[in-house]
Protein backbone atom coordinates (compact mmCIF):
# COMPACT_ATOMS: atom_id res chain seq x y z
CA MET A 1 221.21 149.27 186.75
CA ASN A 2 221.27 152.90 188.37
CA GLU A 3 219.16 155.42 186.01
CA PRO A 4 221.11 158.52 184.74
CA THR A 5 220.39 161.78 187.58
CA PRO A 6 218.10 164.29 185.10
CA HIS A 7 219.66 167.94 184.35
CA ALA A 8 217.47 171.03 183.85
CA PRO A 9 216.17 171.92 180.41
CA GLY A 10 218.00 173.92 178.64
CA THR A 11 221.48 172.58 180.18
CA ASP A 12 223.54 169.24 179.19
CA ALA A 13 224.15 166.66 182.31
CA HIS A 14 227.10 169.28 183.21
CA GLY A 15 224.94 172.05 183.46
CA ASP A 16 226.43 173.94 180.86
CA HIS A 17 223.57 175.54 178.49
CA GLN A 18 222.18 174.20 175.04
CA SER A 19 222.18 175.98 172.24
CA ASP A 20 218.35 176.91 171.53
CA GLN A 21 218.18 174.63 168.32
CA ALA A 22 218.98 171.35 170.80
CA LEU A 23 215.73 171.90 172.82
CA ASP A 24 213.84 170.87 169.82
CA MET A 25 210.90 173.60 170.16
CA ILE A 26 209.62 176.25 167.61
CA GLN A 27 211.28 179.07 166.90
CA LEU A 28 210.68 181.53 164.03
CA LEU A 29 212.73 184.17 165.79
CA ASP A 30 216.17 183.42 167.49
CA HIS A 31 217.90 184.87 170.11
CA THR A 32 219.75 187.31 168.13
CA GLY A 33 216.74 188.83 166.63
CA GLN A 34 217.00 186.78 163.26
CA LEU A 35 214.08 184.93 161.31
CA THR A 36 213.82 181.64 161.25
CA ALA A 37 211.84 179.50 159.08
CA HIS A 38 209.08 176.58 159.87
CA PRO A 39 207.60 175.12 157.17
CA ASP A 40 203.97 175.23 159.58
CA TYR A 41 204.47 177.94 161.12
CA THR A 42 205.45 180.49 159.40
CA PRO A 43 202.91 180.68 157.00
CA ARG A 44 200.61 181.47 160.00
CA ILE A 45 202.74 184.92 160.61
CA THR A 46 202.56 186.58 157.04
CA HIS A 47 199.64 188.37 157.62
CA LEU A 48 200.69 190.14 160.14
CA ASP A 49 201.88 194.02 158.83
CA ALA A 50 204.18 196.48 160.06
CA ASP A 51 201.59 198.34 162.31
CA ALA A 52 200.25 194.92 163.75
CA LEU A 53 203.70 193.98 164.68
CA ARG A 54 204.54 197.86 165.85
CA ARG A 55 201.52 197.20 168.27
CA MET A 56 202.83 193.76 169.43
CA HIS A 57 205.88 195.50 170.31
CA ARG A 58 204.37 197.92 172.41
CA ASP A 59 202.24 195.37 174.29
CA MET A 60 205.21 193.84 175.63
CA VAL A 61 207.10 197.17 176.17
CA LEU A 62 204.10 198.56 178.34
CA ALA A 63 203.65 195.11 180.22
CA ARG A 64 207.28 195.55 181.26
CA THR A 65 206.47 199.50 182.40
CA PHE A 66 203.76 198.03 184.51
CA ASP A 67 205.74 195.23 185.97
CA THR A 68 208.64 197.74 186.62
CA GLU A 69 206.54 200.24 188.31
CA ALA A 70 204.47 197.88 190.34
CA THR A 71 207.24 196.33 191.84
CA SER A 72 208.28 199.61 192.80
CA LEU A 73 205.28 200.51 194.20
CA GLN A 74 205.18 197.34 196.36
CA ARG A 75 208.72 198.47 197.70
CA GLN A 76 207.10 201.78 198.69
CA GLY A 77 204.53 199.82 200.75
CA GLU A 78 201.97 200.76 198.48
CA LEU A 79 201.21 197.04 197.57
CA ALA A 80 201.04 193.87 199.93
CA LEU A 81 202.53 191.86 197.38
CA PHE A 82 203.64 191.59 193.47
CA ALA A 83 204.26 188.84 191.48
CA PRO A 84 206.65 190.24 188.33
CA ALA A 85 206.48 188.57 184.71
CA LEU A 86 209.83 190.01 183.86
CA GLY A 87 210.80 188.43 180.95
CA GLN A 88 207.74 186.41 180.41
CA GLU A 89 206.27 189.28 177.95
CA ALA A 90 206.87 187.40 174.68
CA ALA A 91 204.79 184.14 175.89
CA GLN A 92 201.63 186.33 177.48
CA VAL A 93 201.43 188.84 174.42
CA GLY A 94 202.11 186.31 171.49
CA SER A 95 199.50 183.95 172.77
CA ALA A 96 196.94 186.54 173.61
CA TRP A 97 196.97 188.21 169.90
CA ALA A 98 196.02 184.89 169.02
CA LEU A 99 192.71 185.08 171.00
CA ARG A 100 189.31 186.09 169.50
CA PRO A 101 187.18 188.17 171.36
CA GLN A 102 184.39 185.55 172.02
CA ASP A 103 187.42 183.28 173.71
CA TYR A 104 187.84 182.89 177.33
CA VAL A 105 191.06 183.55 179.35
CA PHE A 106 191.73 181.80 182.61
CA PRO A 107 195.03 183.59 184.18
CA SER A 108 196.82 182.60 187.37
CA TYR A 109 198.37 185.53 188.84
CA ARG A 110 201.29 186.24 186.88
CA GLU A 111 199.49 187.06 183.27
CA HIS A 112 199.59 190.85 183.37
CA ALA A 113 200.60 191.34 179.98
CA VAL A 114 197.87 189.12 178.73
CA VAL A 115 195.50 190.98 180.93
CA GLN A 116 196.20 194.14 179.13
CA ALA A 117 196.01 192.69 176.13
CA ARG A 118 192.47 192.17 176.45
CA GLY A 119 191.66 195.53 177.47
CA VAL A 120 191.88 195.59 181.06
CA ASP A 121 193.04 198.65 182.69
CA PRO A 122 196.52 197.62 184.47
CA ALA A 123 195.68 199.83 187.68
CA ASN A 124 193.12 197.08 188.27
CA ILE A 125 195.24 194.74 188.02
CA LEU A 126 196.82 195.97 191.19
CA ARG A 127 193.77 196.09 193.16
CA ILE A 128 194.27 192.57 194.60
CA PHE A 129 197.87 193.17 195.04
CA ARG A 130 196.98 196.40 197.53
CA GLY A 131 194.77 194.19 199.03
CA ILE A 132 191.17 196.05 198.67
CA ASP A 133 189.66 193.84 196.23
CA HIS A 134 189.29 190.28 195.71
CA GLY A 135 189.66 190.45 192.16
CA GLY A 136 189.54 194.25 189.86
CA TRP A 137 187.62 193.93 187.19
CA ASP A 138 184.29 192.31 185.91
CA PRO A 139 185.34 189.10 184.17
CA ALA A 140 182.43 189.70 181.83
CA ASP A 141 183.44 193.01 180.35
CA HIS A 142 186.41 191.49 178.50
CA ASN A 143 185.98 187.49 178.80
CA VAL A 144 189.15 187.25 181.47
CA HIS A 145 188.44 185.48 184.61
CA LEU A 146 189.81 186.95 187.90
CA TYR A 147 193.44 185.81 189.22
CA THR A 148 193.66 182.78 190.89
CA LEU A 149 196.20 182.34 193.92
CA VAL A 150 195.39 178.80 194.47
CA ILE A 151 198.17 177.02 191.95
CA GLY A 152 196.43 175.31 189.18
CA SER A 153 192.78 175.38 190.59
CA HIS A 154 191.97 177.50 187.78
CA THR A 155 192.84 174.94 184.94
CA LEU A 156 189.79 172.71 186.29
CA HIS A 157 187.29 175.87 185.73
CA ALA A 158 188.73 176.94 182.31
CA THR A 159 188.34 172.94 181.27
CA GLY A 160 184.79 173.45 182.66
CA TYR A 161 183.91 176.46 180.96
CA ALA A 162 185.28 174.89 177.68
CA MET A 163 182.98 171.59 178.35
CA GLY A 164 179.96 174.39 178.87
CA LEU A 165 181.26 176.14 175.38
CA GLN A 166 181.12 172.75 173.79
CA ARG A 167 177.69 171.58 174.91
CA ASP A 168 176.50 174.97 174.17
CA GLY A 169 176.96 174.40 170.81
CA LEU A 170 179.81 177.37 170.49
CA VAL A 171 182.39 175.10 169.02
CA GLY A 172 182.60 173.53 165.59
CA SER A 173 179.29 175.23 164.23
CA GLY A 174 181.42 176.69 161.31
CA ASP A 175 180.70 180.35 162.17
CA PRO A 176 184.00 182.10 162.93
CA ASP A 177 182.21 184.94 164.60
CA ARG A 178 180.32 182.59 167.09
CA ASP A 179 182.91 179.40 167.68
CA ALA A 180 185.04 179.75 170.85
CA ALA A 181 187.50 178.55 172.81
CA VAL A 182 189.30 178.82 175.94
CA VAL A 183 193.10 179.33 177.26
CA THR A 184 194.15 178.52 180.48
CA TYR A 185 197.78 180.20 181.72
CA PHE A 186 199.83 178.46 184.67
CA GLY A 187 203.62 177.90 185.65
CA ASP A 188 205.90 174.69 185.74
CA GLY A 189 205.08 174.09 189.18
CA ALA A 190 201.14 173.75 188.47
CA THR A 191 201.69 170.77 186.47
CA SER A 192 202.75 169.05 189.96
CA GLN A 193 199.29 169.87 190.87
CA GLY A 194 196.60 167.40 190.92
CA ASP A 195 193.91 169.75 189.52
CA THR A 196 195.97 170.54 186.51
CA ASN A 197 196.28 166.97 186.15
CA GLU A 198 192.66 166.43 186.49
CA ALA A 199 192.04 168.99 183.94
CA LEU A 200 193.79 167.55 181.49
CA VAL A 201 192.01 164.03 182.06
CA PHE A 202 189.07 166.13 181.45
CA ALA A 203 190.15 167.98 178.56
CA ALA A 204 191.38 164.70 176.88
CA VAL A 205 188.31 162.56 177.38
CA ASN A 206 185.64 165.21 176.64
CA ASN A 207 187.93 166.79 173.47
CA ALA A 208 187.42 170.07 175.19
CA PRO A 209 188.35 173.32 173.34
CA VAL A 210 190.84 174.62 175.66
CA VAL A 211 194.53 175.28 175.41
CA LEU A 212 196.51 174.68 178.39
CA PHE A 213 199.08 177.02 178.43
CA CYS A 214 202.40 176.23 180.35
CA GLN A 215 204.65 179.31 181.21
CA ASN A 216 207.92 177.20 181.86
CA ASN A 217 210.13 179.75 183.33
CA GLN A 218 212.42 177.12 185.01
CA TRP A 219 211.77 177.59 188.76
CA ALA A 220 208.72 176.88 190.40
CA ILE A 221 209.34 179.44 193.72
CA SER A 222 212.90 177.98 194.22
CA GLU A 223 212.33 174.38 192.94
CA PRO A 224 213.86 173.85 189.44
CA THR A 225 212.10 171.88 186.82
CA THR A 226 214.49 168.66 187.96
CA ARG A 227 212.49 168.40 190.72
CA GLN A 228 209.24 168.19 189.18
CA SER A 229 210.15 166.55 186.16
CA ARG A 230 212.17 163.82 184.43
CA VAL A 231 210.96 164.68 181.39
CA PRO A 232 210.43 167.61 179.30
CA ILE A 233 207.18 169.54 180.75
CA VAL A 234 205.69 169.29 177.14
CA GLU A 235 205.65 165.64 177.84
CA ARG A 236 203.38 165.63 180.52
CA GLY A 237 200.49 166.65 178.18
CA ARG A 238 201.09 164.08 175.76
CA GLY A 239 200.97 161.19 178.89
CA PHE A 240 197.12 162.14 179.04
CA GLY A 241 196.85 161.89 175.12
CA VAL A 242 196.64 165.80 174.64
CA PRO A 243 198.34 167.02 171.31
CA SER A 244 201.43 169.12 173.03
CA VAL A 245 204.18 171.76 171.46
CA ARG A 246 207.31 173.06 173.10
CA VAL A 247 207.38 176.66 171.86
CA ASP A 248 210.00 179.47 172.16
CA GLY A 249 208.61 181.38 174.96
CA ASN A 250 210.65 184.28 174.48
CA ASP A 251 209.88 184.20 170.53
CA VAL A 252 206.75 186.32 170.21
CA LEU A 253 206.29 185.49 166.82
CA ALA A 254 206.53 181.77 167.27
CA CYS A 255 203.84 181.73 170.67
CA TYR A 256 201.44 183.69 168.79
CA ALA A 257 201.58 181.35 165.38
CA VAL A 258 201.44 178.24 167.95
CA THR A 259 198.60 179.51 169.86
CA LEU A 260 196.82 180.66 166.93
CA GLU A 261 196.91 176.88 165.55
CA ALA A 262 196.18 175.64 169.06
CA LEU A 263 192.99 178.07 169.10
CA GLU A 264 191.61 177.35 165.72
CA ARG A 265 191.58 173.68 166.43
CA ALA A 266 190.05 174.14 169.53
CA ARG A 267 187.17 176.08 167.94
CA THR A 268 186.42 173.91 165.03
CA GLY A 269 186.33 170.90 167.62
CA GLY A 270 189.83 169.40 167.29
CA GLY A 271 190.07 169.38 171.07
CA PRO A 272 192.64 170.75 173.64
CA THR A 273 196.36 171.51 173.18
CA PHE A 274 199.22 171.27 175.59
CA VAL A 275 201.33 174.52 175.22
CA GLU A 276 204.73 174.47 176.88
CA ALA A 277 206.28 178.14 176.52
CA TYR A 278 209.98 177.82 177.85
CA THR A 279 210.89 181.06 178.92
CA TYR A 280 212.41 182.32 181.89
CA ARG A 281 211.31 184.13 185.27
CA MET A 282 214.02 187.11 185.12
CA GLY A 283 212.55 188.62 188.53
CA ALA A 284 211.43 187.28 191.61
CA HIS A 285 208.79 184.70 191.97
CA THR A 286 206.94 187.41 194.28
CA THR A 287 208.63 190.41 195.71
CA SER A 288 208.98 188.56 199.10
CA ASP A 289 211.10 186.32 197.15
CA ASP A 290 215.33 186.31 196.76
CA PRO A 291 216.49 184.48 193.35
CA THR A 292 219.90 185.14 194.38
CA ARG A 293 219.92 182.38 197.05
CA TYR A 294 218.73 179.27 194.59
CA ARG A 295 219.74 180.65 191.03
CA SER A 296 223.32 181.60 189.55
CA ALA A 297 224.26 184.72 188.08
CA ALA A 298 225.53 182.87 185.32
CA GLU A 299 222.47 181.55 184.65
CA GLU A 300 220.61 184.68 184.92
CA GLU A 301 223.01 186.43 182.13
CA HIS A 302 222.39 183.78 179.99
CA TRP A 303 218.67 184.38 180.10
CA ARG A 304 219.46 188.19 179.86
CA ARG A 305 220.72 187.72 176.48
CA ARG A 306 217.43 186.34 175.54
CA ASP A 307 215.22 189.14 176.67
CA PRO A 308 212.11 188.67 174.57
CA ILE A 309 211.45 192.71 174.18
CA ASP A 310 215.37 193.08 173.15
CA ARG A 311 215.02 189.92 170.53
CA PHE A 312 211.98 191.93 168.99
CA THR A 313 213.34 195.23 169.00
CA THR A 314 216.17 194.14 167.23
CA PHE A 315 214.35 192.22 164.54
CA LEU A 316 211.57 195.30 164.04
CA ARG A 317 214.47 197.71 164.00
CA SER A 318 216.57 195.28 161.14
CA GLU A 319 213.40 195.28 159.12
CA GLY A 320 213.07 198.90 159.45
CA LEU A 321 209.73 198.77 160.94
CA LEU A 322 210.90 200.64 164.19
CA THR A 323 212.22 204.23 164.05
CA GLU A 324 213.43 206.82 166.33
CA GLU A 325 210.30 208.65 166.25
CA HIS A 326 208.35 205.19 166.98
CA THR A 327 210.55 204.67 169.97
CA ASP A 328 210.09 208.28 171.49
CA ALA A 329 206.21 208.02 171.58
CA LEU A 330 206.29 204.51 173.12
CA ALA A 331 208.74 205.96 175.82
CA ALA A 332 206.38 208.71 176.15
CA GLU A 333 203.67 206.37 176.41
CA ALA A 334 205.57 204.26 179.12
CA GLU A 335 206.15 207.20 181.05
CA ALA A 336 202.74 208.50 180.98
CA LEU A 337 201.43 204.99 182.33
CA ALA A 338 203.68 204.80 185.12
CA VAL A 339 202.58 208.57 186.15
CA ARG A 340 198.97 207.17 186.43
CA LEU A 341 199.56 203.76 188.12
CA ARG A 342 201.20 205.86 190.84
CA GLU A 343 198.45 208.22 191.11
CA GLN A 344 195.67 205.66 190.74
CA VAL A 345 197.41 203.26 193.14
CA ARG A 346 197.95 205.60 195.82
CA ALA A 347 194.34 206.71 195.52
CA MET A 348 192.68 203.55 195.99
CA ASP A 349 190.78 203.90 199.43
CA ALA A 350 190.15 200.33 201.46
CA PRO A 351 186.25 199.55 200.91
CA PRO A 352 183.78 199.02 203.63
CA THR A 353 184.95 195.94 205.25
CA SER A 354 181.31 194.26 205.18
CA SER A 355 182.03 194.26 201.24
CA MET A 356 183.53 190.73 201.82
CA PHE A 357 179.79 189.57 201.82
CA ASP A 358 179.56 190.78 198.39
CA ASP A 359 179.28 188.97 195.26
CA VAL A 360 180.25 185.57 197.19
CA TYR A 361 177.29 183.77 195.79
CA ALA A 362 175.04 185.33 192.46
CA THR A 363 171.81 185.27 194.56
CA PRO A 364 171.13 186.11 198.14
CA HIS A 365 172.34 183.17 200.89
CA SER A 366 171.12 182.73 204.20
CA ASP A 367 174.17 181.25 205.92
CA VAL A 368 176.11 184.68 204.03
CA GLU A 369 173.51 187.02 205.59
CA ARG A 370 173.63 185.25 208.91
CA GLU A 371 177.77 185.90 208.93
CA ARG A 372 176.96 190.11 207.44
CA ALA A 373 174.39 190.18 210.39
CA TRP A 374 176.96 189.06 212.85
CA PHE A 375 180.13 190.81 211.73
CA ALA A 376 177.91 194.10 211.61
CA ARG A 377 177.56 193.61 215.36
CA TYR A 378 181.09 192.70 215.97
CA GLU A 379 182.45 195.97 213.96
CA ALA A 380 179.42 198.07 216.10
CA SER A 381 181.22 196.67 219.46
CA PHE A 382 184.08 198.62 219.28
CA ALA A 383 182.21 201.87 218.72
CA ASP A 384 179.94 200.95 221.66
CA ALA A 385 183.11 199.37 223.83
CA ALA A 386 184.48 203.52 223.09
CA ALA A 387 181.40 205.41 223.91
CA ASP A 388 180.89 203.56 227.96
CA GLY A 389 184.11 203.48 228.57
CA SER A 390 184.20 199.98 229.37
CA GLY A 391 187.82 198.99 227.88
CA ALA A 392 185.52 195.89 226.67
CA THR A 393 187.53 193.76 224.18
CA ALA A 394 186.08 193.29 220.49
CA SER A 395 184.68 190.11 221.25
CA GLU A 396 183.60 190.83 224.45
CA GLY A 397 181.37 193.40 223.12
CA ALA A 398 180.28 190.94 219.85
CA ALA A 399 178.92 188.99 222.60
CA ARG A 400 176.94 191.36 224.65
């Protein structure tokens, strides 16, 4: 008997979009900006007052400002590449707000809103995309690891770090200012990688205090989820015995509530959680990608009507929490951020090429020092060849 052909999550067998309710996911704010009640998760947002909600909204708006400005800078030749996060602001800001200072974050390369919400200067995020830095910030300053460009590899790092917290007695002690957890962010495409599957194995069998937060934005570059999984992505976590939940990734309140619960469970010794935040990448995979080659205008329009910032803005206005004064002040702050990003990025000079040998290991290493010395001779050979007029090639000069 032939098995039915799988279809993309969010569509029926004919490719027509399903309703949000049909997706069986946690939602506290529907796509029209109306609150919906949930017996388990609504109580987790009741402590958010008007100021907190406005600050959450601010983080989302500034993250999009950063995204828009960085994309423009790349188009102007100021960045080598950029990975937009347009449309994923709710998943990132909501989950980041659930973190405590002692928690640790392992991002991939698209978690701009998470990193900003943790206090990293957004200009520093662009150092790696300008090609002048291996990372851009000190991970110890905000408990945020550097971006990882190798798909899925950081999920193993996150799980190992979580196991370290566990063995250091920083989990389940009962001290809320001491107990910590880890959250790692990755996309739907990363769930097809071996490293991510190994991370799920280690997280499950070691009951590690880690939240594996998958932003299912529907597309792994040009590959849809139908080419990666015959079941919803959330089922991959369950297959490893990890408690798993699917949340509306365009609902900032639901993402906050779900991540808050998962982190609380992790800190108290309850083990890992797999979260599938069902969202959509409204822009390109990177600035070298053309999404019009593999997805339809109708699909993009469907998701534009579910824009996470528009949804949250509608809610705040309906509750009388977002006045014209607030929006004007935020618009001015966003413009100031855009100006600062342009100025700082254009002022970023390339470091000495020899800096590539710095910070490879925590302590001096003979192999690295030998390579550093060779490279110094290699660079000097260019100057030597120019000085003696020999016209020798760089490799010939390095050999002399």
